[in-house]
Amino acid sequence: MGLFDSVKGMLGGKLPSSGDKILDAVMKLLQKGGGSLGGFGGLLSKLQSSGIADKVGSWVGTGKNDAVTPDEVEGALGADAVKEVAATAGVSQDEAKSGLANILPKLIDQVTPGGKLPTEQIGKLLKKVDFSKILGG
C-alpha cells in the first residue's frame, strides 16, 4: 500500500475523484524524481521563474495563499508537464490544469512550514502532509 492509499484510508476515502487522482499523480511523479515536473525542487523552480512568482511566494510564505488559474499553471509548468500529470492521473488535460491550480498552492503551503523550503527528501516530506487540507477535507 502506498503513501497516498494510507492517507486516503485515514480520511475515509472521502476525496473528490479527480482531485485525488491528480494529487496521486503529482505525488508519484515527485517521488520518482518528478518526470517533466523535475522533482520538488524543479517544480518550485519552474513556478518561481514563471510569471506567477509572487503567487508562489505566497504559498511558501506564512500568509494567505494567492489563487492561480489553470492557464497560469500550464504556462509555468509547460504543456508537457500538464500532459504527463493528465496521463498519469487518467484525466483530461483541462482537468489536470484545474486540479493542479487547486492542489499546488495547498501542497506547496503544506511542505513549506514556517515559510521555509524543505531540506529533506520528498518521500519523508510528503509523509508529514495533511492531505485533507489540500483536497478540502
N, C-alpha and C. Protein backbone atom coordinates (compact mmCIF):
# COMPACT_ATOMS: atom_id res chain seq x y z
N MET A 1 0.86 -1.18 0.00
CA MET A 1 0.00 0.00 0.00
C MET A 1 0.90 1.24 0.00
N GLY A 2 0.62 2.20 -0.88
CA GLY A 2 1.41 3.40 -0.99
C GLY A 2 0.99 4.45 0.01
N LEU A 3 1.80 5.49 0.07
CA LEU A 3 1.53 6.60 0.99
C LEU A 3 0.17 7.21 0.74
N PHE A 4 -0.16 7.45 -0.52
CA PHE A 4 -1.45 8.08 -0.81
C PHE A 4 -2.61 7.19 -0.39
N ASP A 5 -2.49 5.87 -0.61
CA ASP A 5 -3.55 4.95 -0.19
C ASP A 5 -3.74 5.00 1.33
N SER A 6 -2.63 5.09 2.05
CA SER A 6 -2.71 5.18 3.51
C SER A 6 -3.45 6.44 3.93
N VAL A 7 -3.11 7.55 3.29
CA VAL A 7 -3.76 8.82 3.61
C VAL A 7 -5.24 8.77 3.28
N LYS A 8 -5.57 8.21 2.10
CA LYS A 8 -6.98 8.09 1.72
C LYS A 8 -7.74 7.28 2.75
N GLY A 9 -7.13 6.20 3.22
CA GLY A 9 -7.77 5.37 4.23
C GLY A 9 -8.02 6.13 5.51
N MET A 10 -7.05 6.94 5.93
CA MET A 10 -7.21 7.74 7.15
C MET A 10 -8.32 8.76 7.02
N LEU A 11 -8.54 9.24 5.78
CA LEU A 11 -9.59 10.23 5.55
C LEU A 11 -10.93 9.58 5.21
N GLY A 12 -10.99 8.28 5.27
CA GLY A 12 -12.24 7.59 4.99
C GLY A 12 -12.57 7.56 3.51
N GLY A 13 -11.61 7.80 2.65
CA GLY A 13 -11.83 7.75 1.21
C GLY A 13 -12.71 8.87 0.69
N LYS A 14 -12.95 9.91 1.49
CA LYS A 14 -13.84 10.99 1.09
C LYS A 14 -13.09 12.10 0.37
N LEU A 15 -12.56 11.81 -0.80
CA LEU A 15 -11.82 12.78 -1.59
C LEU A 15 -12.48 12.93 -2.95
N PRO A 16 -12.46 14.12 -3.52
CA PRO A 16 -13.01 14.29 -4.87
C PRO A 16 -12.29 13.37 -5.84
N SER A 17 -13.02 12.71 -6.74
CA SER A 17 -12.41 11.69 -7.59
C SER A 17 -11.30 12.24 -8.46
N SER A 18 -11.50 13.35 -9.16
CA SER A 18 -10.41 13.86 -10.00
C SER A 18 -9.32 14.48 -9.15
N GLY A 19 -9.66 15.08 -8.03
CA GLY A 19 -8.66 15.69 -7.15
C GLY A 19 -7.71 14.66 -6.58
N ASP A 20 -8.25 13.52 -6.14
CA ASP A 20 -7.34 12.51 -5.58
C ASP A 20 -6.49 11.88 -6.67
N LYS A 21 -7.01 11.73 -7.88
CA LYS A 21 -6.22 11.19 -8.98
C LYS A 21 -5.07 12.13 -9.35
N ILE A 22 -5.36 13.40 -9.38
CA ILE A 22 -4.33 14.38 -9.75
C ILE A 22 -3.28 14.49 -8.64
N LEU A 23 -3.71 14.55 -7.40
CA LEU A 23 -2.76 14.59 -6.29
C LEU A 23 -1.90 13.33 -6.28
N ASP A 24 -2.52 12.19 -6.50
CA ASP A 24 -1.79 10.92 -6.56
C ASP A 24 -0.75 10.98 -7.68
N ALA A 25 -1.12 11.49 -8.84
CA ALA A 25 -0.20 11.58 -9.97
C ALA A 25 0.97 12.51 -9.64
N VAL A 26 0.69 13.65 -9.05
CA VAL A 26 1.75 14.60 -8.68
C VAL A 26 2.70 13.95 -7.69
N MET A 27 2.15 13.27 -6.68
CA MET A 27 2.99 12.61 -5.68
C MET A 27 3.86 11.54 -6.31
N LYS A 28 3.28 10.73 -7.18
CA LYS A 28 4.06 9.69 -7.85
C LYS A 28 5.19 10.29 -8.66
N LEU A 29 4.89 11.34 -9.40
CA LEU A 29 5.92 11.99 -10.22
C LEU A 29 7.00 12.62 -9.34
N LEU A 30 6.63 13.27 -8.27
CA LEU A 30 7.61 13.89 -7.39
C LEU A 30 8.48 12.86 -6.69
N GLN A 31 7.88 11.75 -6.28
CA GLN A 31 8.64 10.72 -5.59
C GLN A 31 9.59 9.98 -6.53
N LYS A 32 9.30 9.97 -7.81
CA LYS A 32 10.15 9.30 -8.79
C LYS A 32 11.13 10.28 -9.44
N GLY A 33 11.30 11.44 -8.88
CA GLY A 33 12.22 12.41 -9.46
C GLY A 33 11.51 13.47 -10.28
N GLY A 34 10.22 13.36 -10.42
CA GLY A 34 9.43 14.43 -10.98
C GLY A 34 9.09 14.37 -12.44
N GLY A 35 9.73 13.49 -13.25
CA GLY A 35 9.44 13.49 -14.67
C GLY A 35 9.59 14.89 -15.22
N SER A 36 8.63 15.37 -15.96
CA SER A 36 8.72 16.72 -16.51
C SER A 36 8.46 17.79 -15.44
N LEU A 37 8.04 17.36 -14.24
CA LEU A 37 7.91 18.32 -13.14
C LEU A 37 9.28 18.65 -12.55
N GLY A 38 10.24 17.72 -12.70
CA GLY A 38 11.60 17.98 -12.23
C GLY A 38 11.81 17.78 -10.74
N GLY A 39 11.04 16.94 -10.08
CA GLY A 39 11.18 16.78 -8.64
C GLY A 39 10.62 18.01 -7.93
N PHE A 40 10.61 17.99 -6.59
CA PHE A 40 10.03 19.10 -5.86
C PHE A 40 10.80 20.39 -6.10
N GLY A 41 12.13 20.31 -6.09
CA GLY A 41 12.94 21.49 -6.34
C GLY A 41 12.72 22.05 -7.73
N GLY A 42 12.61 21.15 -8.72
CA GLY A 42 12.36 21.59 -10.09
C GLY A 42 10.99 22.20 -10.24
N LEU A 43 10.02 21.62 -9.57
CA LEU A 43 8.66 22.16 -9.59
C LEU A 43 8.65 23.58 -9.05
N LEU A 44 9.25 23.78 -7.88
CA LEU A 44 9.30 25.11 -7.29
C LEU A 44 10.06 26.08 -8.18
N SER A 45 11.15 25.62 -8.74
CA SER A 45 11.95 26.48 -9.61
C SER A 45 11.16 26.93 -10.84
N LYS A 46 10.45 25.98 -11.47
CA LYS A 46 9.63 26.33 -12.63
C LYS A 46 8.57 27.35 -12.27
N LEU A 47 7.91 27.13 -11.15
CA LEU A 47 6.85 28.02 -10.72
C LEU A 47 7.39 29.40 -10.36
N GLN A 48 8.53 29.43 -9.65
CA GLN A 48 9.10 30.71 -9.21
C GLN A 48 9.71 31.51 -10.35
N SER A 49 10.16 30.83 -11.41
CA SER A 49 10.78 31.55 -12.52
C SER A 49 9.77 31.95 -13.59
N SER A 50 8.52 31.65 -13.35
CA SER A 50 7.47 31.99 -14.31
C SER A 50 6.82 33.32 -13.92
N GLY A 51 5.79 33.66 -14.61
CA GLY A 51 5.07 34.91 -14.34
C GLY A 51 4.23 34.88 -13.07
N ILE A 52 4.27 33.77 -12.32
CA ILE A 52 3.45 33.69 -11.11
C ILE A 52 4.32 33.63 -9.85
N ALA A 53 5.53 34.13 -9.93
CA ALA A 53 6.47 34.08 -8.81
C ALA A 53 5.88 34.68 -7.53
N ASP A 54 5.16 35.79 -7.66
CA ASP A 54 4.57 36.42 -6.47
C ASP A 54 3.54 35.50 -5.82
N LYS A 55 2.75 34.82 -6.64
CA LYS A 55 1.75 33.89 -6.10
C LYS A 55 2.44 32.72 -5.40
N VAL A 56 3.48 32.18 -6.04
CA VAL A 56 4.23 31.07 -5.45
C VAL A 56 4.84 31.51 -4.12
N GLY A 57 5.32 32.75 -4.07
CA GLY A 57 5.86 33.28 -2.82
C GLY A 57 4.83 33.27 -1.71
N SER A 58 3.57 33.51 -2.06
CA SER A 58 2.51 33.49 -1.04
C SER A 58 2.26 32.06 -0.54
N TRP A 59 2.49 31.07 -1.39
CA TRP A 59 2.30 29.67 -0.98
C TRP A 59 3.40 29.23 -0.04
N VAL A 60 4.62 29.67 -0.33
CA VAL A 60 5.76 29.32 0.52
C VAL A 60 5.71 30.13 1.81
N GLY A 61 5.25 31.36 1.74
CA GLY A 61 5.17 32.23 2.90
C GLY A 61 4.14 31.76 3.91
N THR A 62 4.02 32.51 4.97
CA THR A 62 3.13 32.10 6.06
C THR A 62 1.76 32.75 6.01
N GLY A 63 1.53 33.62 5.04
CA GLY A 63 0.23 34.29 4.93
C GLY A 63 -0.75 33.54 4.06
N LYS A 64 -1.73 34.28 3.56
CA LYS A 64 -2.78 33.74 2.70
C LYS A 64 -2.17 33.26 1.37
N ASN A 65 -2.68 32.15 0.85
CA ASN A 65 -2.23 31.62 -0.44
C ASN A 65 -3.01 32.29 -1.57
N ASP A 66 -2.30 32.95 -2.47
CA ASP A 66 -2.94 33.55 -3.64
C ASP A 66 -3.36 32.45 -4.62
N ALA A 67 -4.51 32.64 -5.24
CA ALA A 67 -5.02 31.67 -6.21
C ALA A 67 -4.25 31.79 -7.52
N VAL A 68 -4.27 30.71 -8.27
CA VAL A 68 -3.63 30.65 -9.58
C VAL A 68 -4.64 30.04 -10.55
N THR A 69 -4.61 30.46 -11.81
CA THR A 69 -5.55 29.92 -12.79
C THR A 69 -4.95 28.69 -13.46
N PRO A 70 -5.79 27.85 -14.04
CA PRO A 70 -5.29 26.69 -14.77
C PRO A 70 -4.32 27.09 -15.89
N ASP A 71 -4.60 28.16 -16.60
CA ASP A 71 -3.70 28.59 -17.68
C ASP A 71 -2.37 29.08 -17.13
N GLU A 72 -2.38 29.72 -15.97
CA GLU A 72 -1.12 30.14 -15.35
C GLU A 72 -0.27 28.94 -14.96
N VAL A 73 -0.92 27.89 -14.45
CA VAL A 73 -0.20 26.67 -14.09
C VAL A 73 0.44 26.06 -15.34
N GLU A 74 -0.33 25.97 -16.41
CA GLU A 74 0.22 25.40 -17.64
C GLU A 74 1.36 26.26 -18.18
N GLY A 75 1.21 27.56 -18.11
CA GLY A 75 2.28 28.45 -18.56
C GLY A 75 3.55 28.29 -17.75
N ALA A 76 3.39 28.08 -16.45
CA ALA A 76 4.54 27.94 -15.56
C ALA A 76 5.22 26.58 -15.70
N LEU A 77 4.42 25.53 -15.76
CA LEU A 77 4.99 24.17 -15.78
C LEU A 77 5.29 23.69 -17.19
N GLY A 78 4.56 24.21 -18.15
CA GLY A 78 4.71 23.76 -19.53
C GLY A 78 3.65 22.72 -19.87
N ALA A 79 3.31 22.67 -21.15
CA ALA A 79 2.28 21.75 -21.62
C ALA A 79 2.67 20.30 -21.41
N ASP A 80 3.97 19.98 -21.54
CA ASP A 80 4.42 18.59 -21.35
C ASP A 80 4.17 18.10 -19.94
N ALA A 81 4.42 18.96 -18.95
CA ALA A 81 4.19 18.57 -17.56
C ALA A 81 2.71 18.34 -17.31
N VAL A 82 1.86 19.20 -17.85
CA VAL A 82 0.41 19.03 -17.68
C VAL A 82 -0.04 17.73 -18.35
N LYS A 83 0.48 17.46 -19.55
CA LYS A 83 0.15 16.21 -20.24
C LYS A 83 0.57 15.00 -19.42
N GLU A 84 1.77 15.07 -18.83
CA GLU A 84 2.26 13.95 -18.02
C GLU A 84 1.39 13.72 -16.79
N VAL A 85 1.00 14.79 -16.12
CA VAL A 85 0.11 14.66 -14.96
C VAL A 85 -1.22 14.09 -15.40
N ALA A 86 -1.78 14.60 -16.50
CA ALA A 86 -3.07 14.11 -17.01
C ALA A 86 -2.99 12.63 -17.35
N ALA A 87 -1.93 12.23 -18.03
CA ALA A 87 -1.78 10.82 -18.41
C ALA A 87 -1.61 9.93 -17.19
N THR A 88 -0.82 10.37 -16.23
CA THR A 88 -0.60 9.59 -15.01
C THR A 88 -1.89 9.48 -14.19
N ALA A 89 -2.67 10.55 -14.18
CA ALA A 89 -3.92 10.57 -13.40
C ALA A 89 -5.09 9.94 -14.16
N GLY A 90 -4.96 9.83 -15.48
CA GLY A 90 -6.07 9.30 -16.27
C GLY A 90 -7.21 10.30 -16.41
N VAL A 91 -6.84 11.58 -16.51
CA VAL A 91 -7.85 12.64 -16.67
C VAL A 91 -7.49 13.47 -17.89
N SER A 92 -8.39 14.35 -18.30
CA SER A 92 -8.11 15.23 -19.44
C SER A 92 -7.09 16.29 -19.03
N GLN A 93 -6.49 16.93 -20.03
CA GLN A 93 -5.53 17.99 -19.74
C GLN A 93 -6.21 19.16 -19.04
N ASP A 94 -7.45 19.46 -19.41
CA ASP A 94 -8.17 20.55 -18.74
C ASP A 94 -8.41 20.22 -17.27
N GLU A 95 -8.78 18.95 -16.98
CA GLU A 95 -8.97 18.54 -15.59
C GLU A 95 -7.65 18.63 -14.83
N ALA A 96 -6.56 18.22 -15.49
CA ALA A 96 -5.25 18.26 -14.84
C ALA A 96 -4.86 19.70 -14.51
N LYS A 97 -5.05 20.62 -15.47
CA LYS A 97 -4.73 22.03 -15.23
C LYS A 97 -5.54 22.58 -14.06
N SER A 98 -6.84 22.31 -14.06
CA SER A 98 -7.71 22.81 -12.99
C SER A 98 -7.32 22.20 -11.65
N GLY A 99 -7.06 20.91 -11.67
CA GLY A 99 -6.66 20.23 -10.43
C GLY A 99 -5.35 20.76 -9.89
N LEU A 100 -4.38 20.95 -10.79
CA LEU A 100 -3.09 21.50 -10.37
C LEU A 100 -3.24 22.90 -9.80
N ALA A 101 -4.10 23.71 -10.42
CA ALA A 101 -4.32 25.07 -9.93
C ALA A 101 -4.91 25.06 -8.53
N ASN A 102 -5.69 24.05 -8.21
CA ASN A 102 -6.29 23.91 -6.89
C ASN A 102 -5.32 23.29 -5.89
N ILE A 103 -4.58 22.28 -6.32
CA ILE A 103 -3.75 21.48 -5.42
C ILE A 103 -2.40 22.12 -5.13
N LEU A 104 -1.72 22.66 -6.13
CA LEU A 104 -0.35 23.14 -5.94
C LEU A 104 -0.21 24.20 -4.85
N PRO A 105 -1.07 25.21 -4.78
CA PRO A 105 -0.90 26.18 -3.68
C PRO A 105 -0.98 25.53 -2.30
N LYS A 106 -1.89 24.59 -2.16
CA LYS A 106 -2.07 23.93 -0.86
C LYS A 106 -0.92 22.97 -0.57
N LEU A 107 -0.49 22.22 -1.59
CA LEU A 107 0.61 21.27 -1.40
C LEU A 107 1.89 22.02 -1.04
N ILE A 108 2.21 23.05 -1.78
CA ILE A 108 3.44 23.80 -1.51
C ILE A 108 3.36 24.47 -0.15
N ASP A 109 2.20 24.98 0.21
CA ASP A 109 2.00 25.57 1.54
C ASP A 109 2.28 24.53 2.63
N GLN A 110 1.78 23.31 2.43
CA GLN A 110 1.94 22.25 3.42
C GLN A 110 3.39 21.80 3.56
N VAL A 111 4.15 21.79 2.48
CA VAL A 111 5.52 21.28 2.55
C VAL A 111 6.55 22.38 2.81
N THR A 112 6.07 23.59 3.05
CA THR A 112 6.97 24.69 3.40
C THR A 112 6.52 25.34 4.71
N PRO A 113 6.50 24.55 5.79
CA PRO A 113 6.02 25.10 7.06
C PRO A 113 6.90 26.25 7.52
N GLY A 114 6.27 27.27 8.04
CA GLY A 114 7.01 28.42 8.52
C GLY A 114 7.66 29.23 7.43
N GLY A 115 7.24 29.00 6.18
CA GLY A 115 7.78 29.76 5.06
C GLY A 115 9.18 29.35 4.64
N LYS A 116 9.57 28.12 4.99
CA LYS A 116 10.90 27.64 4.66
C LYS A 116 10.82 26.50 3.65
N LEU A 117 11.75 26.51 2.69
CA LEU A 117 11.80 25.44 1.71
C LEU A 117 12.29 24.16 2.37
N PRO A 118 11.79 23.02 1.93
CA PRO A 118 12.18 21.75 2.54
C PRO A 118 13.64 21.40 2.24
N THR A 119 14.26 20.72 3.21
CA THR A 119 15.63 20.26 3.03
C THR A 119 15.72 18.74 3.04
N GLU A 120 14.61 18.08 3.29
CA GLU A 120 14.64 16.62 3.34
C GLU A 120 14.08 16.02 2.06
N GLN A 121 14.23 14.70 1.92
CA GLN A 121 13.74 14.01 0.74
C GLN A 121 12.23 14.12 0.65
N ILE A 122 11.74 14.17 -0.60
CA ILE A 122 10.30 14.37 -0.83
C ILE A 122 9.46 13.26 -0.19
N GLY A 123 9.94 12.03 -0.20
CA GLY A 123 9.17 10.93 0.40
C GLY A 123 8.92 11.16 1.88
N LYS A 124 9.96 11.56 2.60
CA LYS A 124 9.83 11.84 4.03
C LYS A 124 8.94 13.06 4.24
N LEU A 125 9.13 14.04 3.40
CA LEU A 125 8.38 15.28 3.50
C LEU A 125 6.89 15.05 3.30
N LEU A 126 6.53 14.26 2.29
CA LEU A 126 5.13 14.03 1.98
C LEU A 126 4.41 13.24 3.07
N LYS A 127 5.15 12.49 3.87
CA LYS A 127 4.53 11.75 4.97
C LYS A 127 3.98 12.70 6.03
N LYS A 128 4.46 13.95 6.03
CA LYS A 128 4.03 14.92 7.02
C LYS A 128 2.87 15.79 6.53
N VAL A 129 2.49 15.63 5.28
CA VAL A 129 1.48 16.50 4.67
C VAL A 129 0.08 16.12 5.16
N ASP A 130 -0.71 17.13 5.47
CA ASP A 130 -2.12 16.93 5.84
C ASP A 130 -2.94 17.03 4.55
N PHE A 131 -3.23 15.88 3.95
CA PHE A 131 -3.90 15.85 2.67
C PHE A 131 -5.34 16.35 2.72
N SER A 132 -5.93 16.33 3.89
CA SER A 132 -7.30 16.84 3.99
C SER A 132 -7.33 18.35 3.73
N LYS A 133 -6.25 19.05 4.05
CA LYS A 133 -6.18 20.48 3.78
C LYS A 133 -5.98 20.75 2.29
N ILE A 134 -5.30 19.86 1.62
CA ILE A 134 -5.04 20.03 0.19
C ILE A 134 -6.31 19.79 -0.63
N LEU A 135 -7.05 18.77 -0.25
CA LEU A 135 -8.23 18.38 -1.01
C LEU A 135 -9.53 18.90 -0.41
N GLY A 136 -9.40 19.83 0.52
CA GLY A 136 -10.59 20.50 1.05
C GLY A 136 -11.38 19.69 2.04
N GLY A 137 -10.75 18.73 2.69
CA GLY A 137 -11.44 17.86 3.64
C GLY A 137 -11.60 18.40 4.98
